């Protein structure tokens, strides 16, 4: 997820650099990209060696402690010739490309590789940390709209697949993404909003690509203009920020009402600056996880998993599917918010 966080954050910066600069947030965004990519670079310790994980999920989840108090093993896991993991390495390389190269270098060999690649992904059901085909499809669609590659053959299949996904998100396709009665896209129960914000980044980027080419989107249910795509994106963001049946912002710290019992260890336990008494592995559950009180630290800007398919939300630390925030959710919405300003 860390690499996908940098990928989507970087994509948003590239697409909406002007808007970020106008709002005075460009340098903050670039600093965040730099921080993440510096970490990825340091994890690449040798030519064929990449560290991809620190800690063990099972032992980490069995404890509820602040980062400063963690007593669980900090075992590091790497991939190399003896421990293969091309899926992880490929995602990290994609993040670095997005961060440091920004756009294609113009080297024809990259296009030659894509042209000879037999798998265009087909029509995907989401854009996510473990399924990034839609991102590639949209970037190739941009090349077609700019007339840099042919509007035929395998190239057009990338564009057709991307636009079928986008049409389904817009509720104008043949197999539409589910949408709640209150109007939010709903992909799955666990941290649904990460998939919603990622889809909105795709839509916002493609809308601007279409606009630059003086084109529009043709869906099974009719044509959609770039402005109409952006309007749909705006409604999704409005829902996330409080225009929903619960009248609650799912971005912590924004608006008048937001989740107060976020499933987040550092947020839910008193800061070491106020009380440095160590919190042990199980003691954290007894005193902090099960506490009926709001989290003592407001994790401003974090977006929780969000409502269920019926717009319901239970503000409970134990409700990890809905109450847990993720960096991938916030990273994708940075560029989207910039576009909407």
Protein backbone atom coordinates (compact mmCIF):
# COMPACT_ATOMS: atom_id res chain seq x y z
CA UNK A 1 0.00 0.00 0.00
CA UNK A 2 2.87 2.38 0.72
CA UNK A 3 4.06 2.38 -2.88
CA UNK A 4 0.51 2.85 -4.21
CA UNK A 5 0.14 5.80 -1.83
CA UNK A 6 3.11 7.47 -3.50
CA UNK A 7 1.87 6.47 -6.97
CA UNK A 8 -1.55 8.12 -6.57
CA UNK A 9 -0.20 11.14 -4.71
CA UNK A 10 2.38 11.69 -7.46
CA UNK A 11 -0.19 11.24 -10.22
CA UNK A 12 -2.38 13.86 -8.61
CA UNK A 13 0.56 16.27 -8.39
CA UNK A 14 1.44 15.73 -12.06
CA UNK A 15 -2.13 16.14 -13.32
CA UNK A 16 -3.14 19.05 -11.11
CA UNK A 17 0.15 20.81 -10.42
CA UNK A 18 -1.24 24.21 -11.39
CA UNK A 19 -4.19 23.97 -9.02
CA UNK A 20 -1.96 22.82 -6.16
CA UNK A 21 0.39 25.72 -6.80
CA UNK A 22 -2.51 28.21 -6.90
CA UNK A 23 -3.72 26.99 -3.51
CA UNK A 24 -0.22 27.16 -1.99
CA UNK A 25 -0.06 23.40 -1.44
CA UNK A 26 2.32 22.29 -4.20
CA UNK A 27 5.45 22.30 -2.07
CA UNK A 28 3.67 20.40 0.70
CA UNK A 29 2.60 17.77 -1.84
CA UNK A 30 6.11 17.53 -3.30
CA UNK A 31 7.58 17.18 0.19
CA UNK A 32 5.22 14.29 0.89
CA UNK A 33 6.20 12.61 -2.38
CA UNK A 34 9.88 13.10 -1.57
CA UNK A 35 9.47 11.65 1.92
CA UNK A 36 7.84 8.50 0.56
CA UNK A 37 10.21 7.98 -2.34
CA UNK A 38 13.24 8.53 -0.11
CA UNK A 39 12.01 5.62 1.99
CA UNK A 40 11.59 3.41 -1.09
CA UNK A 41 15.07 4.31 -2.30
CA UNK A 42 16.59 3.41 1.07
CA UNK A 43 14.75 0.07 0.97
CA UNK A 44 16.57 -0.75 -2.30
CA UNK A 45 19.80 -1.82 -0.61
CA UNK A 46 21.48 -3.63 -3.51
CA UNK A 47 21.05 -4.19 -7.24
CA UNK A 48 18.71 -7.16 -6.78
CA UNK A 49 17.56 -6.61 -3.21
CA UNK A 50 14.50 -4.73 -1.94
CA UNK A 51 13.10 -4.61 1.59
CA UNK A 52 9.31 -4.69 1.39
CA UNK A 53 7.93 -5.20 4.90
CA UNK A 54 8.81 -4.46 8.51
CA UNK A 55 7.06 -6.31 11.31
CA UNK A 56 4.62 -9.20 11.38
CA UNK A 57 0.93 -8.58 10.85
CA UNK A 58 -0.23 -11.23 13.32
CA UNK A 59 1.92 -10.09 16.24
CA UNK A 60 1.32 -6.41 15.50
CA UNK A 61 -2.44 -6.85 15.48
CA UNK A 62 -2.34 -8.71 18.78
CA UNK A 63 -1.08 -5.56 20.55
CA UNK A 64 -2.57 -2.08 20.99
CA UNK A 65 0.34 0.30 21.63
CA UNK A 66 1.68 3.68 20.56
CA UNK A 67 4.50 3.52 18.00
CA UNK A 68 6.89 4.75 20.71
CA UNK A 69 6.03 1.78 22.94
CA UNK A 70 5.94 -1.06 20.43
CA UNK A 71 7.39 -4.30 21.75
CA UNK A 72 6.47 -6.58 18.84
CA UNK A 73 9.29 -7.92 16.62
CA UNK A 74 10.53 -5.50 13.94
CA UNK A 75 11.53 -8.31 11.58
CA UNK A 76 12.39 -7.04 8.09
CA UNK A 77 11.47 -8.95 4.94
CA UNK A 78 13.21 -8.56 1.61
CA UNK A 79 12.94 -9.90 -1.91
CA UNK A 80 16.01 -10.95 -3.91
CA UNK A 81 17.10 -13.76 -6.24
CA UNK A 82 16.48 -16.34 -3.53
CA UNK A 83 13.24 -14.76 -2.30
CA UNK A 84 11.33 -13.60 -5.41
CA UNK A 85 8.48 -11.09 -5.34
CA UNK A 86 8.17 -9.34 -8.70
CA UNK A 87 4.68 -8.03 -7.89
CA UNK A 88 6.03 -5.97 -4.97
CA UNK A 89 9.10 -4.80 -6.86
CA UNK A 90 7.01 -3.77 -9.84
CA UNK A 91 4.75 -1.60 -7.70
CA UNK A 92 7.71 0.12 -6.08
CA UNK A 93 9.23 0.81 -9.50
CA UNK A 94 5.90 2.28 -10.65
CA UNK A 95 5.84 4.60 -7.65
CA UNK A 96 9.35 5.81 -8.36
CA UNK A 97 8.55 6.35 -12.01
CA UNK A 98 5.53 8.42 -11.08
CA UNK A 99 7.47 10.42 -8.53
CA UNK A 100 10.73 11.11 -10.32
CA UNK A 101 10.10 10.76 -14.02
CA UNK A 102 6.59 12.24 -13.92
CA UNK A 103 5.75 11.68 -17.53
CA UNK A 104 7.09 9.33 -20.17
CA UNK A 105 10.60 10.31 -21.20
CA UNK A 106 9.73 10.22 -24.85
CA UNK A 107 11.87 7.13 -25.33
CA UNK A 108 10.20 5.08 -28.06
CA UNK A 109 11.26 1.81 -26.39
CA UNK A 110 8.60 2.30 -23.70
CA UNK A 111 5.86 2.51 -26.33
CA UNK A 112 7.37 -0.46 -28.15
CA UNK A 113 7.15 -2.47 -24.95
CA UNK A 114 3.48 -1.57 -24.44
CA UNK A 115 2.66 -2.30 -28.07
CA UNK A 116 4.16 -5.76 -27.73
CA UNK A 117 2.56 -6.48 -24.36
CA UNK A 118 -0.23 -9.03 -24.80
CA UNK A 119 -2.24 -8.22 -21.65
CA UNK A 120 -4.17 -4.95 -21.76
CA UNK A 121 -6.00 -5.85 -18.57
CA UNK A 122 -9.52 -6.11 -19.90
CA UNK A 123 -12.28 -4.17 -18.16
CA UNK A 124 -11.45 -3.82 -14.48
CA UNK A 125 -13.80 -3.50 -11.52
CA UNK A 126 -11.66 -1.08 -9.51
CA UNK A 127 -8.42 0.90 -9.36
CA UNK A 128 -6.56 -0.13 -6.23
CA UNK A 129 -3.30 -1.03 -4.52
CA UNK A 130 -3.51 -4.56 -5.91
CA UNK A 131 -5.06 -3.81 -9.32
CA UNK A 132 -3.51 -0.88 -11.17
CA UNK A 133 -4.52 -1.72 -14.74
CA UNK A 134 -6.99 1.18 -14.89
CA UNK A 135 -4.21 3.66 -14.22
CA UNK A 136 -2.15 2.32 -17.12
CA UNK A 137 -5.21 2.25 -19.36
CA UNK A 138 -6.02 5.89 -18.66
CA UNK A 139 -2.45 7.03 -19.31
CA UNK A 140 -2.44 5.17 -22.63
CA UNK A 141 -5.82 6.72 -23.45
CA UNK A 142 -4.17 10.11 -22.99
CA UNK A 143 -1.57 9.18 -25.61
CA UNK A 144 -4.35 8.25 -28.03
CA UNK A 145 -6.20 11.53 -27.39
CA UNK A 146 -2.95 13.40 -28.00
CA UNK A 147 -2.47 11.41 -31.22
CA UNK A 148 0.89 10.09 -30.02
CA UNK A 149 -0.14 6.49 -30.69
CA UNK A 150 -2.62 4.95 -33.11
CA UNK A 151 -6.34 4.97 -32.39
CA UNK A 152 -6.51 1.30 -33.38
CA UNK A 153 -5.26 -2.19 -32.58
CA UNK A 154 -4.15 -3.00 -29.05
CA UNK A 155 -3.89 0.71 -28.24
CA UNK A 156 -7.61 1.32 -28.63
CA UNK A 157 -8.35 -1.70 -26.43
CA UNK A 158 -6.62 0.06 -23.54
CA UNK A 159 -8.81 3.12 -24.08
CA UNK A 160 -12.00 1.11 -24.52
CA UNK A 161 -11.32 -0.80 -21.30
CA UNK A 162 -10.58 2.39 -19.36
CA UNK A 163 -13.73 4.07 -20.60
CA UNK A 164 -15.93 1.05 -19.86
CA UNK A 165 -14.69 1.20 -16.27
CA UNK A 166 -15.32 4.95 -16.10
CA UNK A 167 -18.82 4.54 -17.58
CA UNK A 168 -19.65 1.92 -14.94
CA UNK A 169 -18.49 4.28 -12.20
CA UNK A 170 -20.63 7.07 -13.66
CA UNK A 171 -23.66 4.72 -13.62
CA UNK A 172 -23.86 4.84 -17.41
CA UNK A 173 -22.33 1.49 -18.28
CA UNK A 174 -23.52 -2.05 -18.81
CA UNK A 175 -22.32 -3.28 -15.41
CA UNK A 176 -22.42 -0.32 -13.07
CA UNK A 177 -20.55 -0.05 -9.78
CA UNK A 178 -22.96 -0.30 -6.87
CA UNK A 179 -24.03 3.01 -5.37
CA UNK A 180 -25.63 3.52 -1.94
CA UNK A 181 -29.10 5.06 -1.49
CA UNK A 182 -27.33 8.25 -0.35
CA UNK A 183 -25.12 8.33 -3.42
CA UNK A 184 -21.64 7.00 -2.56
CA UNK A 185 -19.92 4.44 -4.76
CA UNK A 186 -19.65 1.16 -2.92
CA UNK A 187 -17.07 -1.41 -3.98
CA UNK A 188 -16.62 -3.61 -0.92
CA UNK A 189 -17.11 -3.68 2.89
CA UNK A 190 -13.50 -3.16 4.02
CA UNK A 191 -12.28 0.42 3.69
CA UNK A 192 -14.55 1.19 0.77
CA UNK A 193 -13.57 4.86 0.48
CA UNK A 194 -10.04 3.99 -0.65
CA UNK A 195 -11.55 2.56 -3.84
CA UNK A 196 -13.89 5.53 -4.21
CA UNK A 197 -11.14 8.17 -3.96
CA UNK A 198 -8.90 6.19 -6.32
CA UNK A 199 -11.73 6.00 -8.87
CA UNK A 200 -12.29 9.76 -8.53
CA UNK A 201 -8.63 10.41 -9.35
CA UNK A 202 -9.04 8.32 -12.52
CA UNK A 203 -12.21 10.19 -13.50
CA UNK A 204 -10.79 13.64 -12.82
CA UNK A 205 -7.64 12.91 -14.83
CA UNK A 206 -9.52 11.42 -17.78
CA UNK A 207 -12.02 14.28 -17.81
CA UNK A 208 -9.19 16.77 -18.26
CA UNK A 209 -7.56 14.60 -20.93
CA UNK A 210 -10.86 14.55 -22.84
CA UNK A 211 -11.29 18.29 -22.39
CA UNK A 212 -7.81 19.03 -23.75
CA UNK A 213 -8.62 16.92 -26.81
CA UNK A 214 -12.04 18.61 -27.19
CA UNK A 215 -13.63 15.20 -26.84
CA UNK A 216 -16.26 13.52 -24.69
CA UNK A 217 -16.97 10.10 -23.23
CA UNK A 218 -19.34 7.76 -25.07
CA UNK A 219 -21.10 5.36 -22.70
CA UNK A 220 -23.80 2.74 -23.34
CA UNK A 221 -26.33 5.09 -21.74
CA UNK A 222 -25.22 8.12 -23.73
CA UNK A 223 -22.49 10.72 -24.04
CA UNK A 224 -20.88 12.38 -21.03
CA UNK A 225 -19.00 15.65 -21.22
CA UNK A 226 -15.81 16.35 -19.24
CA UNK A 227 -17.74 18.85 -17.11
CA UNK A 228 -20.34 16.22 -16.28
CA UNK A 229 -17.60 13.81 -15.20
CA UNK A 230 -16.12 16.47 -12.91
CA UNK A 231 -19.58 17.21 -11.49
CA UNK A 232 -19.95 13.52 -10.59
CA UNK A 233 -16.53 13.60 -8.91
CA UNK A 234 -17.64 16.66 -6.96
CA UNK A 235 -20.75 14.90 -5.66
CA UNK A 236 -18.69 11.95 -4.44
CA UNK A 237 -16.31 14.26 -2.61
CA UNK A 238 -19.23 16.22 -1.12
CA UNK A 239 -20.60 12.97 0.27
CA UNK A 240 -17.26 12.08 1.85
CA UNK A 241 -17.00 15.53 3.41
CA UNK A 242 -20.45 15.56 4.98
CA UNK A 243 -23.25 15.81 2.43
CA UNK A 244 -24.60 12.35 3.26
CA UNK A 245 -27.44 10.76 5.24
CA UNK A 246 -25.37 10.69 8.44
CA UNK A 247 -24.47 14.39 8.02
CA UNK A 248 -20.94 13.44 9.01
CA UNK A 249 -17.60 14.10 7.38
CA UNK A 250 -15.56 10.95 6.89
CA UNK A 251 -12.43 13.10 6.84
CA UNK A 252 -11.34 13.47 10.46
CA UNK A 253 -11.14 17.08 11.61
CA UNK A 254 -13.17 18.50 8.72
CA UNK A 255 -16.62 20.02 9.23
CA UNK A 256 -18.77 19.97 12.35
CA UNK A 257 -18.99 16.20 12.86
CA UNK A 258 -16.55 13.41 12.10
CA UNK A 259 -15.58 9.97 13.48
CA UNK A 260 -14.12 10.30 16.98
CA UNK A 261 -13.17 6.67 17.66
CA UNK A 262 -10.91 5.99 14.72
CA UNK A 263 -9.25 2.57 14.59
CA UNK A 264 -5.72 3.94 14.91
CA UNK A 265 -3.28 3.17 17.71
CA UNK A 266 -1.45 6.49 17.81
CA UNK A 267 -4.68 8.47 17.70
CA UNK A 268 -6.47 6.44 20.35
CA UNK A 269 -3.73 6.47 23.03
CA UNK A 270 -2.64 9.56 24.93
CA UNK A 271 0.47 11.24 23.51
CA UNK A 272 3.84 10.47 25.13
CA UNK A 273 4.22 14.23 25.50
CA UNK A 274 1.34 14.24 27.97
CA UNK A 275 1.99 10.88 29.63
CA UNK A 276 5.19 8.97 28.92
CA UNK A 277 4.20 5.95 31.01
CA UNK A 278 4.73 2.96 28.69
CA UNK A 279 1.62 1.25 27.33
CA UNK A 280 2.13 -2.48 27.17
CA UNK A 281 0.81 -4.87 24.55
CA UNK A 282 -2.42 -5.98 26.21
CA UNK A 283 -2.81 -2.99 28.52
CA UNK A 284 -3.47 -0.81 25.52
CA UNK A 285 -6.63 -2.77 24.77
CA UNK A 286 -7.96 -2.53 28.32
CA UNK A 287 -7.36 1.19 28.82
CA UNK A 288 -7.59 2.65 25.33
CA UNK A 289 -9.05 0.34 22.68
CA UNK A 290 -12.18 -0.44 24.70
CA UNK A 291 -12.55 3.10 26.06
CA UNK A 292 -15.97 4.68 25.39
CA UNK A 293 -14.31 8.08 25.08
CA UNK A 294 -13.24 9.82 21.84
CA UNK A 295 -9.64 9.41 20.75
CA UNK A 296 -7.39 11.82 22.67
CA UNK A 297 -5.49 12.75 19.46
CA UNK A 298 -7.36 14.02 16.40
CA UNK A 299 -5.77 12.47 13.32
CA UNK A 300 -6.61 15.45 11.11
CA UNK A 301 -7.06 14.81 7.42
CA UNK A 302 -7.33 11.04 7.70
CA UNK A 303 -10.25 9.45 5.87
CA UNK A 304 -11.79 6.40 7.49
CA UNK A 305 -13.11 3.36 5.64
CA UNK A 306 -16.54 4.95 5.44
CA UNK A 307 -20.17 3.90 5.43
CA UNK A 308 -21.66 0.56 4.52
CA UNK A 309 -23.74 -0.12 1.40
CA UNK A 310 -26.79 1.39 3.11
CA UNK A 311 -25.03 4.60 4.26
CA UNK A 312 -24.72 3.33 7.82
CA UNK A 313 -21.66 3.99 9.98
CA UNK A 314 -20.78 2.81 13.49
CA UNK A 315 -18.23 5.04 15.23
CA UNK A 316 -16.47 2.25 17.11
CA UNK A 317 -12.74 1.42 17.30
CA UNK A 318 -13.58 -2.25 17.00
CA UNK A 319 -15.31 -1.60 13.69
CA UNK A 320 -12.06 -1.75 11.74
CA UNK A 321 -13.68 -2.26 8.33
CA UNK A 322 -15.33 1.15 8.58
CA UNK A 323 -13.29 3.04 11.16
CA UNK A 324 -9.72 2.36 10.02
CA UNK A 325 -8.00 5.09 7.95
CA UNK A 326 -5.46 4.40 5.20
CA UNK A 327 -2.83 6.51 3.48
CA UNK A 328 -4.01 5.29 0.07
CA UNK A 329 -7.40 6.92 0.64
CA UNK A 330 -5.99 10.35 1.45
CA UNK A 331 -3.25 10.23 -1.19
CA UNK A 332 -5.73 9.72 -4.03
CA UNK A 333 -8.00 12.57 -2.94
CA UNK A 334 -5.23 15.20 -2.83
CA UNK A 335 -5.20 15.71 -6.59
CA UNK A 336 -8.99 15.39 -6.77
CA UNK A 337 -9.51 18.18 -4.22
CA UNK A 338 -7.01 20.34 -6.09
CA UNK A 339 -8.97 19.82 -9.33
CA UNK A 340 -12.24 20.79 -7.69
CA UNK A 341 -10.96 24.06 -6.21
